[in-house]
């Protein structure tokens, strides 16, 4: 056993599994349906982390923002053109509800596209499991999609518990997801550590009062993880166990 830690709580996207390509591909298929701008991998990294509703909103807003900026450039040259561009931008945001439905439909079938566990993560977690440490995933992904991605990447039944969006409770950074997970594992706050790659993950851990490991290999940068309260950061999933051992000695 690694110190007093008997459970590891891990985020999914950008922590357990590299899902960047499935997220980008699914969103761009959605943007194509509504004739909106496609998003880049860098935009995908920035837009994800708070559930698919926010991901869709931010992706749509990128097109609207471009149109608003173009309208500003035309204000002094051609007021009518500027007005038309403003109207187009407003209409873009009006497709939000339909875009959410379309994205959810597309992603349900596309969530495992090019998704794979980060190098060293499966081995690290298997080693911890062999020592009796319980492994749980806490994600803002829908429960069905989370199960599909985790089963494809780690195999059925690898995780002791999966907390995801099933429509019955608030999502990260609300601490109820931590409380629910600990109840299922039969563990206390002092017996677990949280592992994630975004501000949302670090805030979830800090609000719950548990130690947090930030993953620099994920979707966000060192500055965000430091600012949001990571207790220690790792460059690779292979560094997970040493990081846990470090925190257990504090």
Protein backbone atom coordinates (compact mmCIF):
# COMPACT_ATOMS: atom_id res chain seq x y z
CA UNK A 1 0.00 0.00 0.00
CA UNK A 2 1.25 3.49 -0.88
CA UNK A 3 1.25 5.31 2.46
CA UNK A 4 -2.23 6.06 3.72
CA UNK A 5 -3.77 6.22 0.24
CA UNK A 6 -6.21 3.39 -0.43
CA UNK A 7 -7.94 4.90 -3.45
CA UNK A 8 -7.04 6.88 -6.57
CA UNK A 9 -9.64 9.12 -8.24
CA UNK A 10 -8.82 9.98 -11.85
CA UNK A 11 -10.27 12.24 -14.52
CA UNK A 12 -10.83 10.61 -17.93
CA UNK A 13 -10.11 12.97 -20.87
CA UNK A 14 -6.48 14.11 -20.83
CA UNK A 15 -5.66 12.01 -17.76
CA UNK A 16 -6.56 8.37 -18.33
CA UNK A 17 -7.20 8.45 -22.06
CA UNK A 18 -6.10 10.70 -24.91
CA UNK A 19 -9.52 11.47 -26.39
CA UNK A 20 -8.50 14.66 -28.17
CA UNK A 21 -9.03 13.29 -31.68
CA UNK A 22 -12.45 11.81 -30.94
CA UNK A 23 -13.57 15.09 -29.38
CA UNK A 24 -12.29 17.22 -32.26
CA UNK A 25 -13.61 14.88 -34.96
CA UNK A 26 -17.07 14.68 -33.37
CA UNK A 27 -17.29 18.44 -32.92
CA UNK A 28 -16.16 19.16 -36.46
CA UNK A 29 -18.77 16.76 -37.82
CA UNK A 30 -21.30 18.74 -35.77
CA UNK A 31 -19.98 22.09 -37.02
CA UNK A 32 -20.26 20.84 -40.59
CA UNK A 33 -23.97 20.08 -40.13
CA UNK A 34 -24.60 23.71 -39.12
CA UNK A 35 -22.11 25.20 -41.63
CA UNK A 36 -19.90 26.58 -38.86
CA UNK A 37 -16.10 26.84 -38.60
CA UNK A 38 -14.18 23.71 -37.74
CA UNK A 39 -12.03 23.76 -34.59
CA UNK A 40 -8.34 22.92 -34.26
CA UNK A 41 -6.69 20.52 -31.81
CA UNK A 42 -5.50 23.51 -29.76
CA UNK A 43 -9.03 24.86 -29.57
CA UNK A 44 -10.29 21.42 -28.57
CA UNK A 45 -7.80 21.33 -25.67
CA UNK A 46 -9.06 24.70 -24.45
CA UNK A 47 -12.77 24.07 -24.90
CA UNK A 48 -13.17 20.70 -23.18
CA UNK A 49 -13.23 19.89 -19.47
CA UNK A 50 -16.62 21.15 -18.30
CA UNK A 51 -19.01 18.76 -20.01
CA UNK A 52 -20.24 18.61 -23.59
CA UNK A 53 -22.68 21.53 -23.26
CA UNK A 54 -19.78 23.92 -22.61
CA UNK A 55 -17.71 22.28 -25.34
CA UNK A 56 -20.49 22.89 -27.88
CA UNK A 57 -21.07 26.45 -26.64
CA UNK A 58 -17.39 27.37 -26.92
CA UNK A 59 -17.06 25.77 -30.35
CA UNK A 60 -20.08 27.64 -31.71
CA UNK A 61 -18.92 30.88 -30.10
CA UNK A 62 -15.65 30.66 -32.05
CA UNK A 63 -17.60 31.15 -35.29
CA UNK A 64 -19.80 33.86 -33.77
CA UNK A 65 -16.77 35.74 -32.45
CA UNK A 66 -15.16 35.66 -35.89
CA UNK A 67 -18.30 37.16 -37.44
CA UNK A 68 -18.53 39.84 -34.75
CA UNK A 69 -14.91 40.82 -35.37
CA UNK A 70 -15.56 41.05 -39.11
CA UNK A 71 -18.61 43.22 -38.43
CA UNK A 72 -16.50 45.65 -36.41
CA UNK A 73 -14.09 46.02 -39.34
CA UNK A 74 -16.96 46.95 -41.67
CA UNK A 75 -18.74 49.43 -39.37
CA UNK A 76 -17.15 52.54 -40.88
CA UNK A 77 -16.95 51.19 -44.45
CA UNK A 78 -20.38 49.59 -44.91
CA UNK A 79 -22.97 49.72 -42.12
CA UNK A 80 -25.34 47.34 -43.91
CA UNK A 81 -22.63 44.68 -44.29
CA UNK A 82 -21.64 45.13 -40.66
CA UNK A 83 -25.29 44.72 -39.61
CA UNK A 84 -25.64 41.53 -41.69
CA UNK A 85 -22.52 40.04 -40.11
CA UNK A 86 -23.83 40.88 -36.63
CA UNK A 87 -27.09 39.17 -37.50
CA UNK A 88 -25.26 36.09 -38.74
CA UNK A 89 -23.31 35.91 -35.49
CA UNK A 90 -26.51 36.13 -33.45
CA UNK A 91 -28.08 33.35 -35.52
CA UNK A 92 -25.03 31.15 -34.94
CA UNK A 93 -25.58 31.20 -31.20
CA UNK A 94 -29.28 30.42 -31.68
CA UNK A 95 -28.40 26.94 -32.99
CA UNK A 96 -26.88 25.95 -29.63
CA UNK A 97 -29.67 23.59 -28.50
CA UNK A 98 -29.81 21.75 -31.81
CA UNK A 99 -26.01 21.58 -31.98
CA UNK A 100 -25.91 19.97 -28.52
CA UNK A 101 -28.34 17.28 -29.65
CA UNK A 102 -26.38 16.67 -32.85
CA UNK A 103 -23.03 16.51 -31.06
CA UNK A 104 -24.38 14.05 -28.50
CA UNK A 105 -25.75 11.85 -31.29
CA UNK A 106 -22.48 11.90 -33.24
CA UNK A 107 -20.19 11.48 -30.25
CA UNK A 108 -22.11 8.50 -28.90
CA UNK A 109 -20.97 6.50 -31.93
CA UNK A 110 -17.59 8.22 -32.29
CA UNK A 111 -16.32 8.48 -28.70
CA UNK A 112 -13.68 5.75 -29.07
CA UNK A 113 -12.23 7.14 -32.34
CA UNK A 114 -8.42 7.16 -31.99
CA UNK A 115 -8.83 7.07 -28.19
CA UNK A 116 -6.04 5.32 -26.31
CA UNK A 117 -4.66 5.22 -22.75
CA UNK A 118 -1.64 7.40 -22.07
CA UNK A 119 1.63 5.51 -22.12
CA UNK A 120 2.37 3.96 -18.75
CA UNK A 121 -1.04 4.67 -17.18
CA UNK A 122 -2.50 1.18 -17.55
CA UNK A 123 0.64 -0.40 -16.10
CA UNK A 124 0.76 2.08 -13.19
CA UNK A 125 -2.87 1.50 -12.29
CA UNK A 126 -2.55 -2.28 -12.63
CA UNK A 127 0.36 -2.18 -10.18
CA UNK A 128 -1.69 -0.15 -7.70
CA UNK A 129 -4.66 -2.52 -8.06
CA UNK A 130 -2.40 -5.48 -7.34
CA UNK A 131 -1.50 -3.81 -4.05
CA UNK A 132 -5.16 -3.41 -3.09
CA UNK A 133 -5.60 0.25 -4.07
CA UNK A 134 -9.07 0.99 -5.44
CA UNK A 135 -9.27 2.85 -8.76
CA UNK A 136 -12.15 5.16 -9.69
CA UNK A 137 -12.82 7.49 -12.61
CA UNK A 138 -14.62 10.81 -12.09
CA UNK A 139 -15.55 12.50 -15.36
CA UNK A 140 -18.03 15.03 -16.74
CA UNK A 141 -18.49 12.79 -19.79
CA UNK A 142 -21.84 11.04 -20.13
CA UNK A 143 -21.92 7.73 -18.29
CA UNK A 144 -22.56 5.64 -21.41
CA UNK A 145 -19.69 7.26 -23.32
CA UNK A 146 -17.33 7.04 -20.33
CA UNK A 147 -18.01 3.33 -20.02
CA UNK A 148 -17.39 2.79 -23.76
CA UNK A 149 -14.09 4.70 -23.75
CA UNK A 150 -12.78 3.09 -20.55
CA UNK A 151 -13.77 -0.42 -21.64
CA UNK A 152 -12.08 0.08 -25.03
CA UNK A 153 -8.91 1.46 -23.42
CA UNK A 154 -8.62 -0.55 -20.20
CA UNK A 155 -10.99 -3.49 -20.55
CA UNK A 156 -14.31 -4.27 -18.88
CA UNK A 157 -14.38 -4.09 -15.08
CA UNK A 158 -10.97 -2.45 -14.68
CA UNK A 159 -12.33 0.42 -12.55
CA UNK A 160 -13.88 -0.10 -9.15
CA UNK A 161 -16.29 2.78 -9.78
CA UNK A 162 -17.11 5.24 -12.56
CA UNK A 163 -18.74 8.57 -11.72
CA UNK A 164 -20.00 10.34 -14.85
CA UNK A 165 -22.87 12.44 -16.15
CA UNK A 166 -26.00 10.36 -15.77
CA UNK A 167 -28.26 13.39 -15.39
CA UNK A 168 -28.88 12.88 -11.67
CA UNK A 169 -26.22 15.06 -10.01
CA UNK A 170 -24.02 18.15 -10.48
CA UNK A 171 -20.69 17.65 -12.23
CA UNK A 172 -17.10 18.64 -11.38
CA UNK A 173 -16.03 20.91 -9.76
CA UNK A 174 -19.01 20.19 -7.48
CA UNK A 175 -17.72 17.96 -4.69
CA UNK A 176 -20.80 15.72 -4.62
CA UNK A 177 -19.10 13.54 -7.25
CA UNK A 178 -16.24 12.93 -4.83
CA UNK A 179 -18.60 12.19 -1.96
CA UNK A 180 -20.60 9.77 -4.09
CA UNK A 181 -17.44 7.98 -5.24
CA UNK A 182 -16.05 7.66 -1.71
CA UNK A 183 -19.37 6.23 -0.50
CA UNK A 184 -19.16 3.54 -3.16
CA UNK A 185 -15.52 2.77 -2.38
CA UNK A 186 -15.99 2.89 1.38
CA UNK A 187 -13.09 5.33 1.80
CA UNK A 188 -12.52 8.68 3.52
CA UNK A 189 -11.14 11.94 2.11
CA UNK A 190 -7.81 11.29 3.80
CA UNK A 191 -7.43 7.94 2.04
CA UNK A 192 -7.63 9.16 -1.57
CA UNK A 193 -5.77 11.37 -4.04
CA UNK A 194 -7.23 13.07 -7.12
CA UNK A 195 -5.48 12.94 -10.51
CA UNK A 196 -6.44 15.28 -13.35
CA UNK A 197 -5.22 17.60 -16.08
CA UNK A 198 -7.43 20.71 -15.80
CA UNK A 199 -8.40 23.57 -13.52
CA UNK A 200 -11.75 21.84 -13.02
CA UNK A 201 -10.03 18.74 -11.64
CA UNK A 202 -7.75 20.69 -9.30
CA UNK A 203 -10.68 22.78 -8.04
CA UNK A 204 -12.70 19.63 -7.40
CA UNK A 205 -9.88 18.21 -5.28
CA UNK A 206 -9.25 21.46 -3.41
CA UNK A 207 -12.92 21.98 -2.62
CA UNK A 208 -13.20 18.41 -1.37
CA UNK A 209 -10.05 18.77 0.74
CA UNK A 210 -7.94 16.07 -0.91
CA UNK A 211 -4.47 16.05 -2.48
CA UNK A 212 -4.26 16.68 -6.22
CA UNK A 213 -1.84 15.45 -8.88
CA UNK A 214 -1.73 17.53 -12.07
CA UNK A 215 -0.99 15.82 -15.40
CA UNK A 216 1.23 17.97 -17.60
CA UNK A 217 0.83 15.54 -20.50
CA UNK A 218 -2.91 16.29 -20.71
CA UNK A 219 -5.01 19.07 -22.19
CA UNK A 220 -3.83 22.04 -20.10
CA UNK A 221 -0.50 23.66 -19.23
CA UNK A 222 1.64 23.94 -16.11
CA UNK A 223 0.51 27.50 -15.37
CA UNK A 224 -3.16 26.50 -15.12
CA UNK A 225 -2.43 23.49 -12.92
CA UNK A 226 -0.16 25.46 -10.59
CA UNK A 227 -2.63 28.32 -10.27
CA UNK A 228 -5.53 25.99 -9.55
CA UNK A 229 -3.73 24.21 -6.72
CA UNK A 230 -1.96 21.05 -7.90
CA UNK A 231 0.09 19.61 -5.02
CA UNK A 232 2.47 17.89 -7.42
CA UNK A 233 2.66 17.56 -11.21
CA UNK A 234 3.76 14.71 -13.43
CA UNK A 235 5.24 14.80 -16.95
CA UNK A 236 4.15 11.25 -17.76
CA UNK A 237 1.68 8.65 -16.56
CA UNK A 238 4.73 6.58 -15.67
CA UNK A 239 5.38 9.10 -12.87
CA UNK A 240 2.04 8.46 -11.16
CA UNK A 241 3.22 6.03 -8.47
CA UNK A 242 6.28 8.12 -7.47
CA UNK A 243 3.98 11.15 -7.16
CA UNK A 244 1.57 9.21 -4.93
CA UNK A 245 4.48 8.04 -2.78
CA UNK A 246 5.71 11.64 -2.51
CA UNK A 247 2.32 12.87 -1.30
CA UNK A 248 1.99 10.00 1.16
CA UNK A 249 5.18 11.15 2.88
CA UNK A 250 4.00 14.73 3.45
